[in-house]
C-alpha atoms as a PDB file:
ATOM      1  CA  MET A   1      48.495 134.991 120.610  1.00  0.00           C
ATOM      2  CA  SER A   2      50.808 137.957 120.465  1.00  0.00           C
ATOM      3  CA  LYS A   3      49.798 141.309 119.036  1.00  0.00           C
ATOM      4  CA  PHE A   4      53.479 141.893 118.311  1.00  0.00           C
ATOM      5  CA  ASN A   5      55.060 140.627 115.100  1.00  0.00           C
ATOM      6  CA  VAL A   6      58.629 139.443 114.700  1.00  0.00           C
ATOM      7  CA  PRO A   7      60.142 141.312 111.745  1.00  0.00           C
ATOM      8  CA  THR A   8      61.611 139.545 108.754  1.00  0.00           C
ATOM      9  CA  ARG A   9      65.059 140.370 107.422  1.00  0.00           C
ATOM     10  CA  GLU A  10      63.516 142.623 104.775  1.00  0.00           C
ATOM     11  CA  GLU A  11      61.692 144.667 107.439  1.00  0.00           C
ATOM     12  CA  VAL A  12      64.769 145.718 109.425  1.00  0.00           C
ATOM     13  CA  SER A  13      67.576 148.237 108.855  1.00  0.00           C
ATOM     14  CA  ALA A  14      70.614 147.422 106.723  1.00  0.00           C
ATOM     15  CA  ASP A  15      72.755 147.199 109.875  1.00  0.00           C
ATOM     16  CA  ASN A  16      70.341 144.708 111.413  1.00  0.00           C
ATOM     17  CA  GLN A  17      70.169 142.753 108.151  1.00  0.00           C
ATOM     18  CA  ALA A  18      73.946 142.277 108.390  1.00  0.00           C
ATOM     19  CA  ILE A  19      73.554 141.075 111.994  1.00  0.00           C
ATOM     20  CA  PHE A  20      70.790 138.685 110.887  1.00  0.00           C
ATOM     21  CA  ASP A  21      73.127 137.255 108.231  1.00  0.00           C
ATOM     22  CA  ASN A  22      75.905 136.780 110.790  1.00  0.00           C
ATOM     23  CA  VAL A  23      73.593 135.171 113.368  1.00  0.00           C
ATOM     24  CA  LYS A  24      72.092 132.892 110.716  1.00  0.00           C
ATOM     25  CA  SER A  25      75.555 131.777 109.604  1.00  0.00           C
ATOM     26  CA  GLN A  26      76.445 130.914 113.214  1.00  0.00           C
ATOM     27  CA  LEU A  27      73.167 129.398 114.465  1.00  0.00           C
ATOM     28  CA  GLY A  28      71.453 128.315 111.258  1.00  0.00           C
ATOM     29  CA  PHE A  29      68.509 130.654 111.974  1.00  0.00           C
ATOM     30  CA  VAL A  30      67.715 133.993 113.580  1.00  0.00           C
ATOM     31  CA  PRO A  31      65.916 133.378 116.883  1.00  0.00           C
ATOM     32  CA  ASN A  32      62.670 135.317 117.219  1.00  0.00           C
ATOM     33  CA  LEU A  33      64.027 137.139 120.268  1.00  0.00           C
ATOM     34  CA  TYR A  34      66.945 138.529 118.274  1.00  0.00           C
ATOM     35  CA  ALA A  35      64.679 139.404 115.353  1.00  0.00           C
ATOM     36  CA  TYR A  36      62.327 141.249 117.680  1.00  0.00           C
ATOM     37  CA  TYR A  37      65.202 143.371 119.020  1.00  0.00           C
ATOM     38  CA  ALA A  38      65.821 144.433 115.398  1.00  0.00           C
ATOM     39  CA  LYS A  39      62.618 146.516 115.423  1.00  0.00           C
ATOM     40  CA  ASN A  40      64.950 149.054 117.028  1.00  0.00           C
ATOM     41  CA  ASP A  41      67.892 150.144 114.867  1.00  0.00           C
ATOM     42  CA  THR A  42      70.531 149.715 117.597  1.00  0.00           C
ATOM     43  CA  ALA A  43      69.071 147.348 120.214  1.00  0.00           C
ATOM     44  CA  LEU A  44      70.075 144.059 118.561  1.00  0.00           C
ATOM     45  CA  GLY A  45      73.718 145.067 118.156  1.00  0.00           C
ATOM     46  CA  ASP A  46      73.809 146.511 121.672  1.00  0.00           C
ATOM     47  CA  TYR A  47      72.230 143.388 123.154  1.00  0.00           C
ATOM     48  CA  LEU A  48      74.591 141.019 121.341  1.00  0.00           C
ATOM     49  CA  ALA A  49      77.563 143.105 122.503  1.00  0.00           C
ATOM     50  CA  LEU A  50      76.336 142.727 126.092  1.00  0.00           C
ATOM     51  CA  GLN A  51      75.817 138.984 125.670  1.00  0.00           C
ATOM     52  CA  ASN A  52      79.206 138.455 124.080  1.00  0.00           C
ATOM     53  CA  ARG A  53      81.291 140.604 126.447  1.00  0.00           C
ATOM     54  CA  LYS A  54      84.314 139.038 128.107  1.00  0.00           C
ATOM     55  CA  SER A  55      83.401 137.562 131.488  1.00  0.00           C
ATOM     56  CA  THR A  56      85.064 135.981 134.515  1.00  0.00           C
ATOM     57  CA  LEU A  57      82.328 133.329 134.399  1.00  0.00           C
ATOM     58  CA  LYS A  58      82.442 130.143 132.346  1.00  0.00           C
ATOM     59  CA  ALA A  59      79.674 129.430 129.824  1.00  0.00           C
ATOM     60  CA  LYS A  60      78.233 126.757 132.135  1.00  0.00           C
ATOM     61  CA  GLU A  61      78.019 129.284 134.982  1.00  0.00           C
ATOM     62  CA  ARG A  62      76.313 131.847 132.754  1.00  0.00           C
ATOM     63  CA  GLU A  63      73.756 129.206 131.745  1.00  0.00           C
ATOM     64  CA  ILE A  64      72.962 128.586 135.413  1.00  0.00           C
ATOM     65  CA  ILE A  65      72.229 132.291 135.860  1.00  0.00           C
ATOM     66  CA  ASN A  66      70.170 132.386 132.644  1.00  0.00           C
ATOM     67  CA  LEU A  67      68.084 129.390 133.695  1.00  0.00           C
ATOM     68  CA  VAL A  68      67.464 130.614 137.252  1.00  0.00           C
ATOM     69  CA  VAL A  69      66.514 134.145 136.173  1.00  0.00           C
ATOM     70  CA  SER A  70      64.303 132.964 133.300  1.00  0.00           C
ATOM     71  CA  GLN A  71      62.450 130.606 135.616  1.00  0.00           C
ATOM     72  CA  TYR A  72      61.995 133.278 138.277  1.00  0.00           C
ATOM     73  CA  ASN A  73      60.674 135.751 135.697  1.00  0.00           C
ATOM     74  CA  GLY A  74      58.387 133.181 134.077  1.00  0.00           C
ATOM     75  CA  CYS A  75      59.858 133.623 130.600  1.00  0.00           C
ATOM     76  CA  ARG A  76      58.956 130.486 128.666  1.00  0.00           C
ATOM     77  CA  TYR A  77      60.979 131.649 125.639  1.00  0.00           C
ATOM     78  CA  CYS A  78      64.219 132.007 127.603  1.00  0.00           C
ATOM     79  CA  GLN A  79      63.543 128.862 129.652  1.00  0.00           C
ATOM     80  CA  SER A  80      63.275 126.982 126.350  1.00  0.00           C
ATOM     81  CA  ALA A  81      66.314 128.594 124.686  1.00  0.00           C
ATOM     82  CA  HIS A  82      68.508 128.112 127.741  1.00  0.00           C
ATOM     83  CA  THR A  83      67.356 124.536 128.251  1.00  0.00           C
ATOM     84  CA  GLN A  84      68.882 123.843 124.821  1.00  0.00           C
ATOM     85  CA  LEU A  85      72.014 125.862 125.636  1.00  0.00           C
ATOM     86  CA  GLY A  86      72.262 124.131 129.010  1.00  0.00           C
ATOM     87  CA  LYS A  87      72.271 120.752 127.258  1.00  0.00           C
ATOM     88  CA  MET A  88      74.976 122.023 124.876  1.00  0.00           C
ATOM     89  CA  ASN A  89      77.000 122.952 127.985  1.00  0.00           C
ATOM     90  CA  GLY A  90      76.738 119.434 129.400  1.00  0.00           C
ATOM     91  CA  PHE A  91      73.759 119.621 131.764  1.00  0.00           C
ATOM     92  CA  SER A  92      71.245 116.771 131.794  1.00  0.00           C
ATOM     93  CA  ASP A  93      67.482 117.337 131.613  1.00  0.00           C
ATOM     94  CA  ASP A  94      67.151 116.617 135.335  1.00  0.00           C
ATOM     95  CA  GLN A  95      70.004 118.988 136.183  1.00  0.00           C
ATOM     96  CA  ILE A  96      68.420 121.750 134.097  1.00  0.00           C
ATOM     97  CA  LEU A  97      65.116 121.372 135.928  1.00  0.00           C
ATOM     98  CA  GLU A  98      66.918 121.510 139.271  1.00  0.00           C
ATOM     99  CA  ILE A  99      68.876 124.592 138.192  1.00  0.00           C
ATOM    100  CA  ARG A 100      65.690 126.347 137.098  1.00  0.00           C
ATOM    101  CA  GLY A 101      64.471 125.819 140.662  1.00  0.00           C
ATOM    102  CA  GLY A 102      67.553 127.582 142.054  1.00  0.00           C
ATOM    103  CA  ARG A 103      69.626 124.554 143.056  1.00  0.00           C
ATOM    104  CA  ALA A 104      72.474 122.483 141.602  1.00  0.00           C
ATOM    105  CA  SER A 105      72.987 119.755 144.205  1.00  0.00           C
ATOM    106  CA  PHE A 106      75.207 117.817 141.784  1.00  0.00           C
ATOM    107  CA  ASP A 107      78.015 120.424 142.153  1.00  0.00           C
ATOM    108  CA  THR A 108      78.759 122.402 145.336  1.00  0.00           C
ATOM    109  CA  LYS A 109      80.180 125.473 143.568  1.00  0.00           C
ATOM    110  CA  LEU A 110      77.400 125.637 140.980  1.00  0.00           C
ATOM    111  CA  ASP A 111      74.828 125.130 143.740  1.00  0.00           C
ATOM    112  CA  ALA A 112      76.182 128.198 145.571  1.00  0.00           C
ATOM    113  CA  LEU A 113      75.915 130.149 142.293  1.00  0.00           C
ATOM    114  CA  ALA A 114      72.345 129.006 141.626  1.00  0.00           C
ATOM    115  CA  GLN A 115      71.225 129.830 145.156  1.00  0.00           C
ATOM    116  CA  PHE A 116      73.002 133.199 145.111  1.00  0.00           C
ATOM    117  CA  THR A 117      71.410 134.071 141.757  1.00  0.00           C
ATOM    118  CA  LEU A 118      67.916 133.178 142.963  1.00  0.00           C
ATOM    119  CA  SER A 119      68.399 135.119 146.192  1.00  0.00           C
ATOM    120  CA  ALA A 120      69.695 138.166 144.306  1.00  0.00           C
ATOM    121  CA  VAL A 121      66.821 138.139 141.800  1.00  0.00           C
ATOM    122  CA  ALA A 122      64.070 137.367 144.306  1.00  0.00           C
ATOM    123  CA  ASN A 123      65.277 140.146 146.596  1.00  0.00           C
ATOM    124  CA  ARG A 124      66.004 142.734 143.866  1.00  0.00           C
ATOM    125  CA  GLY A 125      69.754 142.675 144.456  1.00  0.00           C
ATOM    126  CA  ASN A 126      69.565 142.233 148.206  1.00  0.00           C
ATOM    127  CA  ALA A 127      70.755 138.623 148.295  1.00  0.00           C
ATOM    128  CA  SER A 128      70.672 137.027 151.720  1.00  0.00           C
ATOM    129  CA  GLU A 129      73.846 137.055 153.783  1.00  0.00           C
ATOM    130  CA  ALA A 130      73.810 133.246 153.751  1.00  0.00           C
ATOM    131  CA  ALA A 131      73.658 133.188 149.935  1.00  0.00           C
ATOM    132  CA  LYS A 132      76.505 135.730 149.673  1.00  0.00           C
ATOM    133  CA  GLU A 133      78.640 133.854 152.209  1.00  0.00           C
ATOM    134  CA  ALA A 134      78.104 130.540 150.391  1.00  0.00           C
ATOM    135  CA  PHE A 135      78.906 132.212 147.032  1.00  0.00           C
ATOM    136  CA  PHE A 136      82.244 133.521 148.292  1.00  0.00           C
ATOM    137  CA  ALA A 137      83.004 130.341 150.279  1.00  0.00           C
ATOM    138  CA  ALA A 138      82.569 128.379 147.024  1.00  0.00           C
ATOM    139  CA  GLY A 139      85.472 130.340 145.546  1.00  0.00           C
ATOM    140  CA  TYR A 140      83.713 133.149 143.729  1.00  0.00           C
ATOM    141  CA  THR A 141      85.178 136.662 143.884  1.00  0.00           C
ATOM    142  CA  GLU A 142      83.827 140.190 143.812  1.00  0.00           C
ATOM    143  CA  ALA A 143      84.734 140.318 140.111  1.00  0.00           C
ATOM    144  CA  ASN A 144      82.526 137.238 139.651  1.00  0.00           C
ATOM    145  CA  LEU A 145      79.740 138.944 141.622  1.00  0.00           C
ATOM    146  CA  ILE A 146      79.823 141.860 139.177  1.00  0.00           C
ATOM    147  CA  ASP A 147      79.618 139.481 136.228  1.00  0.00           C
ATOM    148  CA  VAL A 148      76.729 137.575 137.845  1.00  0.00           C
ATOM    149  CA  VAL A 149      74.800 140.846 138.142  1.00  0.00           C
ATOM    150  CA  ILE A 150      75.574 141.743 134.511  1.00  0.00           C
ATOM    151  CA  VAL A 151      74.280 138.349 133.337  1.00  0.00           C
ATOM    152  CA  ILE A 152      71.185 138.761 135.543  1.00  0.00           C
ATOM    153  CA  GLY A 153      70.563 142.156 133.920  1.00  0.00           C
ATOM    154  CA  ASP A 154      71.088 140.724 130.440  1.00  0.00           C
ATOM    155  CA  LYS A 155      68.579 137.978 131.116  1.00  0.00           C
ATOM    156  CA  ILE A 156      66.005 140.267 132.724  1.00  0.00           C
ATOM    157  CA  ILE A 157      66.068 142.377 129.549  1.00  0.00           C
ATOM    158  CA  SER A 158      65.252 139.352 127.379  1.00  0.00           C
ATOM    159  CA  ASN A 159      62.716 137.964 129.847  1.00  0.00           C
ATOM    160  CA  TYR A 160      60.839 141.249 129.920  1.00  0.00           C
ATOM    161  CA  ILE A 161      60.954 141.685 126.125  1.00  0.00           C
ATOM    162  CA  HIS A 162      59.415 138.262 125.586  1.00  0.00           C
ATOM    163  CA  ASN A 163      56.951 138.521 128.454  1.00  0.00           C
ATOM    164  CA  LEU A 164      55.703 141.841 127.044  1.00  0.00           C
ATOM    165  CA  ALA A 165      55.669 140.911 123.347  1.00  0.00           C
ATOM    166  CA  ASP A 166      54.821 137.185 123.704  1.00  0.00           C
ATOM    167  CA  PHE A 167      56.070 136.180 120.249  1.00  0.00           C
ATOM    168  CA  ALA A 168      56.366 132.524 119.243  1.00  0.00           C
ATOM    169  CA  ILE A 169      58.949 130.291 120.921  1.00  0.00           C
ATOM    170  CA  ASP A 170      61.193 128.920 118.181  1.00  0.00           C
ATOM    171  CA  PHE A 171      63.066 126.393 120.343  1.00  0.00           C
ATOM    172  CA  PRO A 172      61.763 123.078 121.682  1.00  0.00           C
ATOM    173  CA  VAL A 173      59.488 124.227 124.507  1.00  0.00           C
ATOM    174  CA  ALA A 174      60.974 123.511 127.929  1.00  0.00           C
ATOM    175  CA  PRO A 175      58.835 121.471 130.310  1.00  0.00           C
ATOM    176  CA  GLU A 176      56.835 123.352 132.917  1.00  0.00           C
ATOM    177  CA  LEU A 177      58.472 123.389 136.324  1.00  0.00           C
ATOM    178  CA  GLU A 178      56.325 123.140 139.399  1.00  0.00           C
ATOM    179  CA  LEU A 179      58.145 124.935 142.177  1.00  0.00           C
ATOM    180  CA  GLU A 180      57.510 123.821 145.717  1.00  0.00           C
ATOM    181  CA  THR A 181      56.070 126.494 147.956  1.00  0.00           C
ATOM    182  CA  ALA A 182      56.611 126.519 151.667  1.00  0.00           C
END
């Protein structure tokens, strides 16, 4: 059980209350992660601006990065949220589990992205040469590489916030994934 409380709308600044209202109108609720950011007067707006920035990557590609990073960082909240978003972007349950493990064998280009993302995260930005070569061979560009790193950073922020604060998961909880170890 978390020692950290998720604030209600009444407990946050007027600016954050307006963001809550906007998020609620779009999603039907304010996710606990977003509400937690609102404990800081500017963090929620800053985080949403980062999440909503224009990108060279498609939504489906960003979900692959989100799923891989959240799995690697052991963030059950983000694994659960992005499992739902992955489904909304057309991935099946089995595909989502495979993606969380750093693979996407059902699509060559997405597989290169998943493997590159896992290599970059696991090696703190020092992705293997093989992963970089496969990423570029799949048709990705240096502009895409920059956007992949931005999405990785975005997701690490959320993963760390939840892993530190451990507030309730308000999405259907994603199944545990047992990763094979060599």
